[in-house]
């Protein structure tokens, strides 16, 4: 699924990412599920309620809107768009000690 062309660079450019996103949206018929003309103001997770709350503004009407989604109803791992029963393992190596993160003097 992740086939962004990076032209030999280690990180894709904004144009490459936008092109890839457009292809994925078209290939999977996702446009009908996307809320276009919205600007997200806040995204808040409640661990107690297991619920995301998104406050946004519908820009074509200058109208505030709120969306909520419980974890049980979310279609995948929040923030990734992946449908998985277990989260992916991070490719970032763990840091055994925060001492290495302190600036040197």
C-alpha atoms as a PDB file:
ATOM      1  CA  UNK A   1       0.000   0.000   0.000  1.00  0.00           C
ATOM      2  CA  UNK A   2       2.791   2.434   0.803  1.00  0.00           C
ATOM      3  CA  UNK A   3       4.284   2.971  -2.617  1.00  0.00           C
ATOM      4  CA  UNK A   4       5.113   6.683  -2.591  1.00  0.00           C
ATOM      5  CA  UNK A   5       7.713   7.460  -5.233  1.00  0.00           C
ATOM      6  CA  UNK A   6      10.472   9.462  -3.549  1.00  0.00           C
ATOM      7  CA  UNK A   7      12.749   9.879  -6.581  1.00  0.00           C
ATOM      8  CA  UNK A   8      15.680   8.498  -4.563  1.00  0.00           C
ATOM      9  CA  UNK A   9      15.197  10.890  -1.637  1.00  0.00           C
ATOM     10  CA  UNK A  10      14.779   9.390   1.855  1.00  0.00           C
ATOM     11  CA  UNK A  11      11.561  11.368   2.439  1.00  0.00           C
ATOM     12  CA  UNK A  12       8.740  12.059  -0.023  1.00  0.00           C
ATOM     13  CA  UNK A  13       7.986  15.654  -1.006  1.00  0.00           C
ATOM     14  CA  UNK A  14       4.630  17.303  -0.314  1.00  0.00           C
ATOM     15  CA  UNK A  15       3.668  16.910  -3.986  1.00  0.00           C
ATOM     16  CA  UNK A  16       4.538  13.197  -3.943  1.00  0.00           C
ATOM     17  CA  UNK A  17       2.497  12.656  -0.781  1.00  0.00           C
ATOM     18  CA  UNK A  18      -0.512  14.553  -2.185  1.00  0.00           C
ATOM     19  CA  UNK A  19      -0.327  12.544  -5.414  1.00  0.00           C
ATOM     20  CA  UNK A  20      -0.174   9.311  -3.422  1.00  0.00           C
ATOM     21  CA  UNK A  21      -3.106  10.352  -1.214  1.00  0.00           C
ATOM     22  CA  UNK A  22      -5.176  11.144  -4.311  1.00  0.00           C
ATOM     23  CA  UNK A  23      -4.398   7.734  -5.785  1.00  0.00           C
ATOM     24  CA  UNK A  24      -5.345   5.913  -2.576  1.00  0.00           C
ATOM     25  CA  UNK A  25      -8.592   7.913  -2.280  1.00  0.00           C
ATOM     26  CA  UNK A  26      -9.523   7.119  -5.898  1.00  0.00           C
ATOM     27  CA  UNK A  27      -8.490   3.440  -5.794  1.00  0.00           C
ATOM     28  CA  UNK A  28     -10.489   2.797  -2.611  1.00  0.00           C
ATOM     29  CA  UNK A  29     -13.531   5.014  -3.309  1.00  0.00           C
ATOM     30  CA  UNK A  30     -12.852   7.034  -0.163  1.00  0.00           C
ATOM     31  CA  UNK A  31     -13.879  10.510  -1.394  1.00  0.00           C
ATOM     32  CA  UNK A  32     -17.482   9.948  -0.301  1.00  0.00           C
ATOM     33  CA  UNK A  33     -16.287   9.449   3.276  1.00  0.00           C
ATOM     34  CA  UNK A  34     -14.054  12.533   3.467  1.00  0.00           C
ATOM     35  CA  UNK A  35     -15.354  15.801   4.917  1.00  0.00           C
ATOM     36  CA  UNK A  36     -13.965  18.364   2.497  1.00  0.00           C
ATOM     37  CA  UNK A  37     -14.130  22.123   3.236  1.00  0.00           C
ATOM     38  CA  UNK A  38     -13.429  21.613   6.940  1.00  0.00           C
ATOM     39  CA  UNK A  39     -10.640  23.010   9.092  1.00  0.00           C
ATOM     40  CA  UNK A  40      -9.923  21.064  12.269  1.00  0.00           C
ATOM     41  CA  UNK A  41      -9.648  23.283  15.351  1.00  0.00           C
ATOM     42  CA  UNK A  42      -9.029  20.590  17.965  1.00  0.00           C
ATOM     43  CA  UNK A  43      -8.852  16.804  18.215  1.00  0.00           C
ATOM     44  CA  UNK A  44      -9.225  15.489  21.749  1.00  0.00           C
ATOM     45  CA  UNK A  45      -8.995  11.922  23.035  1.00  0.00           C
ATOM     46  CA  UNK A  46     -10.868  10.919  26.197  1.00  0.00           C
ATOM     47  CA  UNK A  47      -9.359   7.777  27.685  1.00  0.00           C
ATOM     48  CA  UNK A  48     -12.250   7.477  30.148  1.00  0.00           C
ATOM     49  CA  UNK A  49     -14.878   7.576  27.396  1.00  0.00           C
ATOM     50  CA  UNK A  50     -12.622   5.943  24.766  1.00  0.00           C
ATOM     51  CA  UNK A  51     -13.820   8.632  22.377  1.00  0.00           C
ATOM     52  CA  UNK A  52     -12.312  11.133  19.938  1.00  0.00           C
ATOM     53  CA  UNK A  53     -13.935  14.575  19.762  1.00  0.00           C
ATOM     54  CA  UNK A  54     -13.102  16.707  16.742  1.00  0.00           C
ATOM     55  CA  UNK A  55     -14.070  20.387  16.687  1.00  0.00           C
ATOM     56  CA  UNK A  56     -13.915  21.890  13.221  1.00  0.00           C
ATOM     57  CA  UNK A  57     -15.215  24.721  11.079  1.00  0.00           C
ATOM     58  CA  UNK A  58     -17.048  24.068   7.839  1.00  0.00           C
ATOM     59  CA  UNK A  59     -15.228  26.647   5.752  1.00  0.00           C
ATOM     60  CA  UNK A  60     -17.790  27.013   2.961  1.00  0.00           C
ATOM     61  CA  UNK A  61     -20.401  28.116   5.543  1.00  0.00           C
ATOM     62  CA  UNK A  62     -18.165  29.406   8.364  1.00  0.00           C
ATOM     63  CA  UNK A  63     -20.087  26.987  10.589  1.00  0.00           C
ATOM     64  CA  UNK A  64     -18.600  25.263  13.663  1.00  0.00           C
ATOM     65  CA  UNK A  65     -19.183  21.494  13.765  1.00  0.00           C
ATOM     66  CA  UNK A  66     -18.293  18.683  16.152  1.00  0.00           C
ATOM     67  CA  UNK A  67     -17.659  15.025  15.339  1.00  0.00           C
ATOM     68  CA  UNK A  68     -17.199  12.189  17.812  1.00  0.00           C
ATOM     69  CA  UNK A  69     -16.099   8.617  17.340  1.00  0.00           C
ATOM     70  CA  UNK A  70     -15.791   5.920  19.952  1.00  0.00           C
ATOM     71  CA  UNK A  71     -12.813   3.600  19.751  1.00  0.00           C
ATOM     72  CA  UNK A  72     -15.124   0.644  19.183  1.00  0.00           C
ATOM     73  CA  UNK A  73     -16.496   2.313  16.048  1.00  0.00           C
ATOM     74  CA  UNK A  74     -13.232   3.666  14.682  1.00  0.00           C
ATOM     75  CA  UNK A  75     -12.185   1.951  11.473  1.00  0.00           C
ATOM     76  CA  UNK A  76      -8.635   1.135  12.371  1.00  0.00           C
ATOM     77  CA  UNK A  77      -5.742   2.454  14.373  1.00  0.00           C
ATOM     78  CA  UNK A  78      -6.466   6.133  15.158  1.00  0.00           C
ATOM     79  CA  UNK A  79      -4.412   8.457  13.033  1.00  0.00           C
ATOM     80  CA  UNK A  80      -3.066   5.822  10.667  1.00  0.00           C
ATOM     81  CA  UNK A  81      -5.976   4.827   8.475  1.00  0.00           C
ATOM     82  CA  UNK A  82      -4.958   1.198   8.983  1.00  0.00           C
ATOM     83  CA  UNK A  83      -7.427  -1.548   9.724  1.00  0.00           C
ATOM     84  CA  UNK A  84      -5.569  -3.665  12.237  1.00  0.00           C
ATOM     85  CA  UNK A  85      -6.514  -5.576  15.344  1.00  0.00           C
ATOM     86  CA  UNK A  86      -3.134  -4.884  16.910  1.00  0.00           C
ATOM     87  CA  UNK A  87      -1.049  -1.727  16.484  1.00  0.00           C
ATOM     88  CA  UNK A  88       1.978  -1.827  14.241  1.00  0.00           C
ATOM     89  CA  UNK A  89       5.329  -1.966  15.936  1.00  0.00           C
ATOM     90  CA  UNK A  90       7.190   1.313  15.678  1.00  0.00           C
ATOM     91  CA  UNK A  91      10.194   1.236  13.355  1.00  0.00           C
ATOM     92  CA  UNK A  92      11.833   3.835  15.618  1.00  0.00           C
ATOM     93  CA  UNK A  93      14.281   2.181  18.018  1.00  0.00           C
ATOM     94  CA  UNK A  94      13.508   2.692  21.678  1.00  0.00           C
ATOM     95  CA  UNK A  95      15.751   4.801  23.850  1.00  0.00           C
ATOM     96  CA  UNK A  96      16.922   2.878  26.909  1.00  0.00           C
ATOM     97  CA  UNK A  97      17.867   6.017  28.818  1.00  0.00           C
ATOM     98  CA  UNK A  98      16.768   9.636  28.534  1.00  0.00           C
ATOM     99  CA  UNK A  99      20.343  10.651  29.482  1.00  0.00           C
ATOM    100  CA  UNK A 100      21.236  10.390  25.795  1.00  0.00           C
ATOM    101  CA  UNK A 101      18.568  12.990  24.993  1.00  0.00           C
ATOM    102  CA  UNK A 102      20.045  15.718  27.168  1.00  0.00           C
ATOM    103  CA  UNK A 103      22.021  18.419  25.351  1.00  0.00           C
ATOM    104  CA  UNK A 104      25.793  18.285  25.707  1.00  0.00           C
ATOM    105  CA  UNK A 105      27.581  21.223  27.276  1.00  0.00           C
END
